[in-house]
């Protein structure tokens, strides 16, 4: 299978299907190493085994502002503001006002928000608030 064909292939697994959950658990149990890849794949399989839906996206994939909002954990309107303020990079679709945002850019903004939140909590803890 060509790399682009593999990328275009989409599979939906129903985590409520007992067979899917069992298969995910069995595969997760077979991964015993501690490499970053094994840890990540095992975590995804464990999530499916416990009934969670898992979405895997490539860093260079593009998403809509609403999808970016889901990744970051904010509203779509806040994503629009982040784009307007040049905090979140985006591109416009040709001949359109619609935006597309790279998954990695949304993940980076989410990580920065988490770092700032953790820093604020640490400061409040030191100040005893």
Protein backbone atom coordinates (compact mmCIF):
# COMPACT_ATOMS: atom_id res chain seq x y z
CA UNK A 1 0.00 0.00 0.00
CA UNK A 2 1.39 3.43 -0.91
CA UNK A 3 1.97 5.90 1.96
CA UNK A 4 -0.70 8.31 0.70
CA UNK A 5 -3.22 5.48 0.31
CA UNK A 6 -2.58 4.42 3.91
CA UNK A 7 -3.10 7.99 5.06
CA UNK A 8 -6.39 8.30 3.20
CA UNK A 9 -7.68 5.05 4.69
CA UNK A 10 -10.06 5.68 7.57
CA UNK A 11 -11.31 3.01 9.92
CA UNK A 12 -13.95 3.46 12.56
CA UNK A 13 -13.85 1.06 15.46
CA UNK A 14 -16.88 0.90 17.69
CA UNK A 15 -15.50 0.78 21.26
CA UNK A 16 -18.89 -0.48 22.44
CA UNK A 17 -18.45 -3.64 20.33
CA UNK A 18 -17.24 -6.37 22.74
CA UNK A 19 -15.05 -7.93 20.02
CA UNK A 20 -13.28 -4.61 19.38
CA UNK A 21 -12.70 -4.11 23.10
CA UNK A 22 -11.37 -7.65 23.52
CA UNK A 23 -9.05 -7.32 20.52
CA UNK A 24 -7.75 -3.99 21.83
CA UNK A 25 -7.09 -5.48 25.27
CA UNK A 26 -5.31 -8.51 23.80
CA UNK A 27 -3.08 -6.34 21.62
CA UNK A 28 -2.32 -3.96 24.52
CA UNK A 29 -1.33 -6.92 26.70
CA UNK A 30 1.13 -8.11 24.04
CA UNK A 31 2.99 -4.79 24.07
CA UNK A 32 5.40 -5.17 26.95
CA UNK A 33 8.20 -2.75 26.04
CA UNK A 34 8.71 0.78 27.30
CA UNK A 35 9.65 2.51 24.06
CA UNK A 36 7.70 5.72 23.38
CA UNK A 37 5.88 4.03 20.50
CA UNK A 38 4.84 1.02 22.58
CA UNK A 39 3.70 3.24 25.46
CA UNK A 40 1.60 5.42 23.12
CA UNK A 41 0.04 2.50 21.24
CA UNK A 42 -0.63 0.60 24.48
CA UNK A 43 -2.35 3.69 25.94
CA UNK A 44 -4.56 4.03 22.86
CA UNK A 45 -5.45 0.34 22.91
CA UNK A 46 -6.20 0.48 26.65
CA UNK A 47 -8.53 3.41 26.02
CA UNK A 48 -10.40 1.47 23.32
CA UNK A 49 -10.52 -1.61 25.57
CA UNK A 50 -12.24 0.52 28.21
CA UNK A 51 -14.82 1.89 25.75
CA UNK A 52 -13.24 5.22 24.77
CA UNK A 53 -13.24 6.53 21.23
CA UNK A 54 -9.72 7.28 20.00
CA UNK A 55 -8.83 9.55 17.09
CA UNK A 56 -5.38 9.42 15.56
CA UNK A 57 -4.27 12.40 13.48
CA UNK A 58 -0.98 13.21 11.82
CA UNK A 59 0.74 16.38 12.99
CA UNK A 60 0.55 17.87 9.48
CA UNK A 61 -3.16 17.09 9.02
CA UNK A 62 -5.44 20.10 8.96
CA UNK A 63 -8.65 20.53 10.93
CA UNK A 64 -11.48 23.04 11.02
CA UNK A 65 -11.62 25.66 13.77
CA UNK A 66 -14.32 23.61 15.52
CA UNK A 67 -12.10 20.53 15.48
CA UNK A 68 -9.13 22.61 16.69
CA UNK A 69 -11.33 23.84 19.54
CA UNK A 70 -11.96 20.22 20.56
CA UNK A 71 -8.22 19.52 20.51
CA UNK A 72 -7.39 22.61 22.58
CA UNK A 73 -10.39 22.31 24.88
CA UNK A 74 -11.94 25.71 24.15
CA UNK A 75 -14.83 27.07 22.12
CA UNK A 76 -14.71 27.59 18.37
CA UNK A 77 -15.15 31.32 18.98
CA UNK A 78 -12.04 31.33 21.17
CA UNK A 79 -10.12 29.57 18.37
CA UNK A 80 -11.26 32.34 16.01
CA UNK A 81 -9.87 34.88 18.46
CA UNK A 82 -6.58 32.96 18.75
CA UNK A 83 -6.32 33.02 14.95
CA UNK A 84 -7.10 36.73 14.74
CA UNK A 85 -4.53 37.47 17.47
CA UNK A 86 -1.94 35.39 15.57
CA UNK A 87 -1.53 33.00 18.50
CA UNK A 88 -2.74 30.09 16.38
CA UNK A 89 -1.45 29.74 12.82
CA UNK A 90 -3.97 28.94 10.08
CA UNK A 91 -4.48 29.12 6.35
CA UNK A 92 -7.52 30.13 4.39
CA UNK A 93 -9.00 27.81 1.80
CA UNK A 94 -8.52 29.25 -1.70
CA UNK A 95 -11.31 31.65 -2.63
CA UNK A 96 -12.94 31.25 0.77
CA UNK A 97 -13.10 32.68 4.27
CA UNK A 98 -12.85 29.20 5.78
CA UNK A 99 -9.78 28.42 7.88
CA UNK A 100 -7.74 25.27 8.29
CA UNK A 101 -5.39 24.70 11.20
CA UNK A 102 -2.55 22.18 11.41
CA UNK A 103 -3.09 19.59 14.13
CA UNK A 104 0.42 20.23 15.50
CA UNK A 105 -0.31 23.95 15.88
CA UNK A 106 -3.49 23.18 17.84
CA UNK A 107 -1.61 20.67 20.02
CA UNK A 108 1.13 23.24 20.67
CA UNK A 109 -1.41 25.86 21.79
CA UNK A 110 -3.10 23.29 24.05
CA UNK A 111 0.27 22.36 25.60
CA UNK A 112 1.11 26.02 26.21
CA UNK A 113 -2.28 26.57 27.88
CA UNK A 114 -1.63 23.54 30.11
CA UNK A 115 1.86 24.85 31.03
CA UNK A 116 0.47 28.27 31.91
CA UNK A 117 -2.37 26.75 33.93
CA UNK A 118 0.08 24.52 35.84
CA UNK A 119 2.33 27.53 36.50
CA UNK A 120 -0.59 29.56 37.82
CA UNK A 121 -1.63 26.70 40.10
CA UNK A 122 1.94 26.35 41.39
CA UNK A 123 2.11 30.07 42.18
CA UNK A 124 -1.25 29.94 43.99
CA UNK A 125 -0.08 26.92 45.99
CA UNK A 126 3.07 28.76 47.09
CA UNK A 127 1.05 31.83 48.04
CA UNK A 128 -1.36 29.62 49.97
CA UNK A 129 -4.50 30.61 48.10
